[in-house]
């Protein structure tokens, strides 16, 4: 088994268990399809958009063995749903709030984003050290934690936090609320995509 398959296959298997957990504890089929389906569509759009505007963002290494959807690998796309669901679950345990309502949404989304950032350290640093992938950002533009050779760009840390936080906030606003709250969730995703385009375009100019 190649190095890449040691990473991708366990992730896909773990996603099955997360889906089973959602079916059992999140209210059944419809919420599960809404969350994981929405996270998958988000991942496809996000990763293709970022790869298009800044090819250096895409980590290279083992991912040649994975399936691709456009410019993005299936593993990275699926990974956002994986990270968001685990962060949501842990944030709900910390706050006691499982389905955030209105004023609670920004607070719980922020906590989930911080949890995702912590998870990123557990994944990114060992992965780079093991040679599973490398980052191609210019060290003159992006600060690396522990150096560019074996560390992780802090931009990635912020990316995990922001992506998971906004994804969960938008899902809660759209799935659990009506009228203006749904529009707010859609607007948050749209502004996030615009931010990704601007940031990654600027990174390529340097």
Protein backbone atom coordinates (compact mmCIF):
# COMPACT_ATOMS: atom_id res chain seq x y z
CA UNK A 1 0.00 0.00 0.00
CA UNK A 2 1.41 3.37 -0.97
CA UNK A 3 1.89 6.14 1.56
CA UNK A 4 -1.11 8.01 0.22
CA UNK A 5 -3.49 5.11 0.71
CA UNK A 6 -2.44 4.81 4.35
CA UNK A 7 -3.87 8.31 4.77
CA UNK A 8 -6.86 8.41 2.44
CA UNK A 9 -8.49 5.06 3.17
CA UNK A 10 -8.69 5.53 6.98
CA UNK A 11 -10.19 8.97 6.39
CA UNK A 12 -12.92 7.61 4.15
CA UNK A 13 -13.66 4.82 6.65
CA UNK A 14 -13.80 7.33 9.50
CA UNK A 15 -16.29 9.41 7.50
CA UNK A 16 -18.60 6.41 7.41
CA UNK A 17 -18.59 6.30 11.20
CA UNK A 18 -19.25 10.04 11.41
CA UNK A 19 -22.22 9.66 9.08
CA UNK A 20 -23.55 6.80 11.23
CA UNK A 21 -23.12 9.01 14.31
CA UNK A 22 -25.02 11.80 12.60
CA UNK A 23 -27.84 9.46 11.56
CA UNK A 24 -28.20 8.31 15.16
CA UNK A 25 -27.71 11.55 17.09
CA UNK A 26 -28.43 14.43 14.69
CA UNK A 27 -32.02 13.65 13.83
CA UNK A 28 -31.85 11.10 11.05
CA UNK A 29 -31.44 11.11 7.32
CA UNK A 30 -32.38 14.65 6.30
CA UNK A 31 -30.02 16.54 8.66
CA UNK A 32 -27.23 14.11 7.81
CA UNK A 33 -27.67 14.56 4.07
CA UNK A 34 -27.96 18.33 4.54
CA UNK A 35 -24.76 18.60 6.54
CA UNK A 36 -22.46 16.19 4.74
CA UNK A 37 -23.93 16.99 1.32
CA UNK A 38 -23.54 20.70 1.96
CA UNK A 39 -20.00 20.24 3.29
CA UNK A 40 -19.08 18.18 0.22
CA UNK A 41 -20.41 20.79 -2.23
CA UNK A 42 -18.64 23.49 -0.24
CA UNK A 43 -15.39 21.52 -0.34
CA UNK A 44 -15.58 21.00 -4.10
CA UNK A 45 -16.12 24.70 -4.75
CA UNK A 46 -13.60 25.89 -2.17
CA UNK A 47 -10.73 23.63 -3.13
CA UNK A 48 -11.15 24.13 -6.87
CA UNK A 49 -11.38 27.88 -6.39
CA UNK A 50 -8.25 28.04 -4.23
CA UNK A 51 -6.29 25.71 -6.53
CA UNK A 52 -7.25 27.81 -9.53
CA UNK A 53 -6.25 31.15 -8.04
CA UNK A 54 -3.17 29.87 -6.20
CA UNK A 55 -1.74 26.50 -7.28
CA UNK A 56 0.89 26.74 -4.52
CA UNK A 57 -1.90 26.18 -2.00
CA UNK A 58 -2.37 22.57 -3.07
CA UNK A 59 -0.16 20.22 -1.04
CA UNK A 60 1.75 17.75 -3.18
CA UNK A 61 3.10 14.34 -2.27
CA UNK A 62 0.83 11.38 -1.71
CA UNK A 63 -2.25 12.94 -3.30
CA UNK A 64 -1.45 11.58 -6.75
CA UNK A 65 -3.04 8.30 -5.67
CA UNK A 66 -6.36 9.91 -4.77
CA UNK A 67 -9.42 10.64 -6.87
CA UNK A 68 -9.71 14.13 -8.28
CA UNK A 69 -12.71 16.40 -8.80
CA UNK A 70 -11.48 19.15 -11.05
CA UNK A 71 -8.33 20.64 -9.53
CA UNK A 72 -8.91 19.19 -6.05
CA UNK A 73 -8.47 15.76 -4.52
CA UNK A 74 -11.43 13.93 -3.02
CA UNK A 75 -9.52 13.45 0.24
CA UNK A 76 -9.15 17.19 0.82
CA UNK A 77 -12.76 17.83 -0.18
CA UNK A 78 -14.08 15.17 2.20
CA UNK A 79 -11.71 16.35 4.89
CA UNK A 80 -13.60 19.60 5.42
CA UNK A 81 -16.77 17.75 6.36
CA UNK A 82 -14.70 15.51 8.60
CA UNK A 83 -13.05 18.44 10.38
CA UNK A 84 -16.27 20.45 10.67
CA UNK A 85 -18.31 17.61 12.13
CA UNK A 86 -15.72 16.69 14.76
CA UNK A 87 -15.23 20.36 15.68
CA UNK A 88 -19.01 20.81 15.96
CA UNK A 89 -19.31 17.78 18.22
CA UNK A 90 -16.50 18.90 20.51
CA UNK A 91 -17.83 22.47 20.61
CA UNK A 92 -21.26 21.14 21.57
CA UNK A 93 -19.71 19.17 24.43
CA UNK A 94 -17.87 22.25 25.70
CA UNK A 95 -20.83 24.64 25.45
CA UNK A 96 -23.74 22.25 25.97
CA UNK A 97 -25.27 23.72 22.81
CA UNK A 98 -25.93 21.20 20.05
CA UNK A 99 -28.00 23.23 17.59
CA UNK A 100 -27.04 26.90 18.04
CA UNK A 101 -29.79 29.46 17.76
CA UNK A 102 -29.23 32.99 16.50
CA UNK A 103 -26.99 34.81 18.98
CA UNK A 104 -25.33 31.50 19.94
CA UNK A 105 -24.17 30.74 16.40
CA UNK A 106 -21.14 33.08 16.24
CA UNK A 107 -19.94 31.93 19.67
CA UNK A 108 -20.18 28.20 18.99
CA UNK A 109 -18.79 28.63 15.46
CA UNK A 110 -15.79 30.49 16.87
CA UNK A 111 -15.15 27.73 19.42
CA UNK A 112 -15.46 25.09 16.69
CA UNK A 113 -13.04 27.08 14.52
CA UNK A 114 -10.48 27.18 17.32
CA UNK A 115 -10.88 23.43 17.80
CA UNK A 116 -10.28 22.95 14.08
CA UNK A 117 -7.12 25.04 14.33
CA UNK A 118 -5.89 22.79 17.13
CA UNK A 119 -6.67 19.72 15.02
CA UNK A 120 -4.66 21.23 12.18
CA UNK A 121 -1.50 21.09 14.30
CA UNK A 122 -2.09 17.38 14.92
CA UNK A 123 -2.43 16.70 11.20
CA UNK A 124 -0.25 19.20 9.39
CA UNK A 125 3.00 18.96 11.36
CA UNK A 126 3.26 15.14 11.42
CA UNK A 127 2.21 14.94 7.77
CA UNK A 128 4.93 17.32 6.61
CA UNK A 129 7.52 15.63 8.83
CA UNK A 130 6.55 12.22 7.41
CA UNK A 131 6.77 13.51 3.85
CA UNK A 132 3.09 12.89 3.14
CA UNK A 133 2.83 16.32 1.59
CA UNK A 134 4.70 19.61 1.34
CA UNK A 135 3.57 23.22 1.15
CA UNK A 136 4.68 25.45 -1.71
CA UNK A 137 4.06 28.88 -0.23
CA UNK A 138 6.85 31.41 -0.60
CA UNK A 139 8.54 31.77 2.84
CA UNK A 140 9.06 35.46 2.09
CA UNK A 141 5.28 35.89 1.96
CA UNK A 142 3.97 33.38 4.48
CA UNK A 143 5.38 32.69 7.95
CA UNK A 144 6.04 29.01 8.68
CA UNK A 145 5.71 27.53 12.14
CA UNK A 146 8.94 25.52 12.68
CA UNK A 147 10.30 26.60 9.31
CA UNK A 148 9.32 25.91 5.68
CA UNK A 149 11.24 22.63 5.42
CA UNK A 150 9.36 20.71 8.09
CA UNK A 151 6.74 23.05 9.50
CA UNK A 152 3.36 24.42 8.50
CA UNK A 153 2.36 27.84 7.22
CA UNK A 154 0.38 29.80 9.79
CA UNK A 155 -1.92 30.74 6.94
CA UNK A 156 -3.03 27.11 7.02
CA UNK A 157 -3.82 27.37 10.73
CA UNK A 158 -6.06 30.35 10.06
CA UNK A 159 -7.56 28.60 7.06
CA UNK A 160 -8.72 25.66 9.17
CA UNK A 161 -10.28 27.93 11.79
CA UNK A 162 -12.01 30.23 9.34
CA UNK A 163 -13.22 27.50 7.00
CA UNK A 164 -14.78 25.35 9.74
CA UNK A 165 -16.23 28.34 11.60
CA UNK A 166 -17.88 29.86 8.53
CA UNK A 167 -19.05 26.50 7.19
CA UNK A 168 -20.80 25.65 10.48
CA UNK A 169 -22.23 29.15 10.95
CA UNK A 170 -23.69 29.11 7.45
CA UNK A 171 -25.08 25.61 7.84
CA UNK A 172 -26.79 26.48 11.11
CA UNK A 173 -28.20 29.72 9.70
CA UNK A 174 -29.57 27.99 6.59
CA UNK A 175 -30.74 24.72 8.18
CA UNK A 176 -32.19 25.93 11.48
CA UNK A 177 -33.56 29.39 10.65
CA UNK A 178 -35.73 31.16 8.14
CA UNK A 179 -35.81 34.40 6.10
CA UNK A 180 -32.99 36.78 6.93
CA UNK A 181 -30.94 34.19 8.83
CA UNK A 182 -30.76 31.97 5.78
CA UNK A 183 -29.69 34.94 3.69
CA UNK A 184 -27.04 35.74 6.29
CA UNK A 185 -25.67 32.20 5.99
CA UNK A 186 -25.54 32.44 2.21
CA UNK A 187 -23.88 35.86 2.44
CA UNK A 188 -21.25 34.50 4.84
CA UNK A 189 -20.30 31.75 2.41
CA UNK A 190 -20.23 34.18 -0.53
CA UNK A 191 -18.00 36.64 1.33
CA UNK A 192 -15.74 33.78 2.40
CA UNK A 193 -15.30 32.68 -1.20
CA UNK A 194 -14.54 36.28 -2.21
CA UNK A 195 -11.94 36.49 0.56
CA UNK A 196 -10.32 33.28 -0.68
CA UNK A 197 -10.07 34.66 -4.20
CA UNK A 198 -8.52 37.93 -3.03
CA UNK A 199 -6.02 36.37 -0.61
CA UNK A 200 -4.85 33.66 -2.98
CA UNK A 201 -4.60 36.06 -5.91
CA UNK A 202 -2.42 38.36 -3.81
CA UNK A 203 -0.21 35.44 -2.81
CA UNK A 204 0.49 34.61 -6.46
CA UNK A 205 1.46 38.22 -7.23
CA UNK A 206 4.34 38.22 -4.78
